[in-house]
Amino acid sequence: MPASLTKPIAARVRAYRRRQVEAGNRELTLHLPCEAVDYLDDLKERHGLQSRSQALLQLIKRGREVTQQQRT
C-alpha cells in the first residue's frame, strides 16, 4: 500500500486510541479459543451490540453482580 494511503490511516488510528484513553479505556489483546470468540459473537448479535468488547464487558458486569451477591 502506498505511504500516502497509510499515513492518514495511521493518524486516524492514533486519534482513535487517544480518544479511547481520554475516555478512560485501555487496549487489551486476548488469545481465546475459537468457541469463546464464537460465544462473544453470538452475544453481540443477540443483544445488538457493536463489538465483542461490549459483549465481554456485559459478561464481566454479570460476573461481578453474581460475585457481589454471593458475598452478602
N, C-alpha and C. Protein backbone atom coordinates (compact mmCIF):
# COMPACT_ATOMS: atom_id res chain seq x y z
N MET A 1 0.85 -1.18 0.00
CA MET A 1 0.00 0.00 0.00
C MET A 1 0.90 1.24 0.00
N PRO A 2 0.61 2.21 -0.84
CA PRO A 2 1.43 3.42 -0.90
C PRO A 2 1.41 4.17 0.43
N ALA A 3 2.54 4.78 0.74
CA ALA A 3 2.67 5.53 2.00
C ALA A 3 1.63 6.64 2.11
N SER A 4 1.21 7.19 0.98
CA SER A 4 0.24 8.28 1.01
C SER A 4 -1.12 7.81 1.55
N LEU A 5 -1.41 6.51 1.43
CA LEU A 5 -2.66 5.98 1.95
C LEU A 5 -2.54 5.51 3.40
N THR A 6 -1.36 5.03 3.78
CA THR A 6 -1.20 4.51 5.14
C THR A 6 -1.07 5.62 6.17
N LYS A 7 -0.51 6.76 5.81
CA LYS A 7 -0.36 7.84 6.79
C LYS A 7 -1.70 8.31 7.32
N PRO A 8 -2.67 8.60 6.46
CA PRO A 8 -3.96 9.04 7.02
C PRO A 8 -4.60 7.95 7.89
N ILE A 9 -4.44 6.70 7.53
CA ILE A 9 -5.00 5.62 8.34
C ILE A 9 -4.30 5.57 9.68
N ALA A 10 -2.99 5.66 9.68
CA ALA A 10 -2.23 5.64 10.93
C ALA A 10 -2.61 6.81 11.82
N ALA A 11 -2.81 7.96 11.23
CA ALA A 11 -3.21 9.14 12.01
C ALA A 11 -4.59 8.93 12.62
N ARG A 12 -5.50 8.33 11.86
CA ARG A 12 -6.85 8.07 12.38
C ARG A 12 -6.81 7.05 13.52
N VAL A 13 -5.98 6.03 13.38
CA VAL A 13 -5.86 5.02 14.42
C VAL A 13 -5.28 5.65 15.69
N ARG A 14 -4.25 6.47 15.55
CA ARG A 14 -3.67 7.15 16.72
C ARG A 14 -4.71 8.04 17.39
N ALA A 15 -5.49 8.77 16.60
CA ALA A 15 -6.52 9.65 17.15
C ALA A 15 -7.59 8.82 17.89
N TYR A 16 -7.99 7.70 17.30
CA TYR A 16 -8.98 6.82 17.94
C TYR A 16 -8.44 6.31 19.27
N ARG A 17 -7.21 5.83 19.27
CA ARG A 17 -6.61 5.31 20.51
C ARG A 17 -6.49 6.40 21.57
N ARG A 18 -6.15 7.59 21.15
CA ARG A 18 -6.04 8.73 22.08
C ARG A 18 -7.42 9.03 22.70
N ARG A 19 -8.46 9.02 21.87
CA ARG A 19 -9.82 9.26 22.38
C ARG A 19 -10.23 8.18 23.38
N GLN A 20 -9.85 6.94 23.09
CA GLN A 20 -10.18 5.84 23.99
C GLN A 20 -9.50 6.02 25.35
N VAL A 21 -8.25 6.41 25.35
CA VAL A 21 -7.52 6.65 26.59
C VAL A 21 -8.16 7.81 27.36
N GLU A 22 -8.50 8.86 26.65
CA GLU A 22 -9.14 10.02 27.29
C GLU A 22 -10.49 9.64 27.90
N ALA A 23 -11.16 8.65 27.32
CA ALA A 23 -12.45 8.19 27.83
C ALA A 23 -12.27 7.20 28.99
N GLY A 24 -11.03 6.91 29.36
CA GLY A 24 -10.77 6.01 30.47
C GLY A 24 -10.70 4.55 30.08
N ASN A 25 -10.53 4.27 28.80
CA ASN A 25 -10.44 2.89 28.32
C ASN A 25 -8.99 2.50 28.07
N ARG A 26 -8.74 1.20 28.15
CA ARG A 26 -7.42 0.65 27.85
C ARG A 26 -7.56 -0.40 26.76
N GLU A 27 -6.51 -0.55 26.00
CA GLU A 27 -6.50 -1.58 24.95
C GLU A 27 -5.97 -2.87 25.54
N LEU A 28 -6.61 -3.99 25.17
CA LEU A 28 -6.24 -5.29 25.68
C LEU A 28 -6.27 -6.29 24.53
N THR A 29 -5.21 -7.06 24.40
CA THR A 29 -5.17 -8.10 23.38
C THR A 29 -5.34 -9.45 24.06
N LEU A 30 -6.27 -10.25 23.55
CA LEU A 30 -6.56 -11.55 24.13
C LEU A 30 -6.36 -12.66 23.12
N HIS A 31 -5.96 -13.80 23.62
CA HIS A 31 -5.92 -15.02 22.82
C HIS A 31 -6.93 -15.96 23.44
N LEU A 32 -8.01 -16.22 22.71
CA LEU A 32 -9.10 -17.06 23.21
C LEU A 32 -9.35 -18.22 22.27
N PRO A 33 -9.89 -19.32 22.81
CA PRO A 33 -10.28 -20.42 21.94
C PRO A 33 -11.38 -19.95 20.98
N CYS A 34 -11.43 -20.57 19.82
CA CYS A 34 -12.44 -20.20 18.81
C CYS A 34 -13.85 -20.25 19.37
N GLU A 35 -14.15 -21.24 20.21
CA GLU A 35 -15.50 -21.35 20.74
C GLU A 35 -15.85 -20.17 21.66
N ALA A 36 -14.86 -19.61 22.36
CA ALA A 36 -15.11 -18.44 23.20
C ALA A 36 -15.41 -17.22 22.33
N VAL A 37 -14.68 -17.08 21.24
CA VAL A 37 -14.92 -15.97 20.32
C VAL A 37 -16.28 -16.13 19.66
N ASP A 38 -16.62 -17.35 19.29
CA ASP A 38 -17.95 -17.60 18.71
C ASP A 38 -19.04 -17.22 19.70
N TYR A 39 -18.84 -17.53 20.98
CA TYR A 39 -19.81 -17.19 22.01
C TYR A 39 -19.96 -15.67 22.12
N LEU A 40 -18.85 -14.95 22.11
CA LEU A 40 -18.90 -13.48 22.15
C LEU A 40 -19.64 -12.94 20.93
N ASP A 41 -19.36 -13.51 19.77
CA ASP A 41 -20.05 -13.07 18.55
C ASP A 41 -21.56 -13.32 18.65
N ASP A 42 -21.94 -14.46 19.23
CA ASP A 42 -23.34 -14.78 19.40
C ASP A 42 -24.01 -13.78 20.35
N LEU A 43 -23.35 -13.49 21.47
CA LEU A 43 -23.89 -12.50 22.41
C LEU A 43 -24.03 -11.13 21.75
N LYS A 44 -23.02 -10.77 21.00
CA LYS A 44 -23.03 -9.48 20.30
C LYS A 44 -24.24 -9.38 19.39
N GLU A 45 -24.49 -10.41 18.62
CA GLU A 45 -25.61 -10.40 17.69
C GLU A 45 -26.95 -10.41 18.42
N ARG A 46 -27.09 -11.28 19.41
CA ARG A 46 -28.37 -11.41 20.13
C ARG A 46 -28.75 -10.14 20.88
N HIS A 47 -27.75 -9.41 21.37
CA HIS A 47 -28.04 -8.21 22.16
C HIS A 47 -27.88 -6.93 21.36
N GLY A 48 -27.58 -7.05 20.07
CA GLY A 48 -27.46 -5.87 19.22
C GLY A 48 -26.29 -4.98 19.59
N LEU A 49 -25.21 -5.59 20.04
CA LEU A 49 -24.03 -4.82 20.44
C LEU A 49 -23.16 -4.53 19.23
N GLN A 50 -22.31 -3.53 19.35
CA GLN A 50 -21.47 -3.12 18.23
C GLN A 50 -20.14 -3.87 18.17
N SER A 51 -19.72 -4.46 19.29
CA SER A 51 -18.40 -5.08 19.29
C SER A 51 -18.32 -6.24 20.26
N ARG A 52 -17.29 -7.05 20.10
CA ARG A 52 -17.00 -8.12 21.04
C ARG A 52 -16.64 -7.54 22.39
N SER A 53 -16.01 -6.39 22.38
CA SER A 53 -15.64 -5.73 23.64
C SER A 53 -16.87 -5.46 24.49
N GLN A 54 -17.94 -5.01 23.86
CA GLN A 54 -19.17 -4.75 24.60
C GLN A 54 -19.76 -6.04 25.14
N ALA A 55 -19.68 -7.12 24.38
CA ALA A 55 -20.19 -8.41 24.84
C ALA A 55 -19.37 -8.90 26.03
N LEU A 56 -18.06 -8.77 25.95
CA LEU A 56 -17.19 -9.18 27.05
C LEU A 56 -17.46 -8.33 28.29
N LEU A 57 -17.66 -7.05 28.12
CA LEU A 57 -17.95 -6.16 29.24
C LEU A 57 -19.27 -6.56 29.92
N GLN A 58 -20.26 -6.94 29.14
CA GLN A 58 -21.52 -7.42 29.72
C GLN A 58 -21.30 -8.66 30.59
N LEU A 59 -20.49 -9.58 30.09
CA LEU A 59 -20.20 -10.79 30.86
C LEU A 59 -19.47 -10.46 32.16
N ILE A 60 -18.54 -9.53 32.09
CA ILE A 60 -17.79 -9.12 33.29
C ILE A 60 -18.74 -8.49 34.31
N LYS A 61 -19.63 -7.62 33.84
CA LYS A 61 -20.58 -6.98 34.75
C LYS A 61 -21.48 -8.01 35.41
N ARG A 62 -21.97 -8.98 34.64
CA ARG A 62 -22.82 -10.03 35.20
C ARG A 62 -22.05 -10.85 36.23
N GLY A 63 -20.82 -11.17 35.91
CA GLY A 63 -19.99 -11.93 36.84
C GLY A 63 -19.75 -11.17 38.14
N ARG A 64 -19.54 -9.88 38.03
CA ARG A 64 -19.36 -9.06 39.23
C ARG A 64 -20.62 -9.06 40.09
N GLU A 65 -21.78 -8.94 39.44
CA GLU A 65 -23.05 -8.93 40.18
C GLU A 65 -23.23 -10.23 40.94
N VAL A 66 -22.95 -11.34 40.30
CA VAL A 66 -23.10 -12.65 40.94
C VAL A 66 -22.12 -12.77 42.11
N THR A 67 -20.90 -12.35 41.90
CA THR A 67 -19.89 -12.43 42.95
C THR A 67 -20.28 -11.56 44.15
N GLN A 68 -20.79 -10.37 43.89
CA GLN A 68 -21.19 -9.48 44.98
C GLN A 68 -22.39 -10.05 45.73
N GLN A 69 -23.32 -10.69 45.03
CA GLN A 69 -24.48 -11.29 45.68
C GLN A 69 -24.06 -12.46 46.57
N GLN A 70 -23.04 -13.20 46.16
CA GLN A 70 -22.59 -14.34 46.92
C GLN A 70 -21.88 -13.90 48.21
N ARG A 71 -21.31 -12.71 48.20
CA ARG A 71 -20.60 -12.19 49.36
C ARG A 71 -21.56 -11.73 50.46
N THR A 72 -22.79 -11.40 50.08
CA THR A 72 -23.73 -10.87 51.10
C THR A 72 -24.56 -11.96 51.72
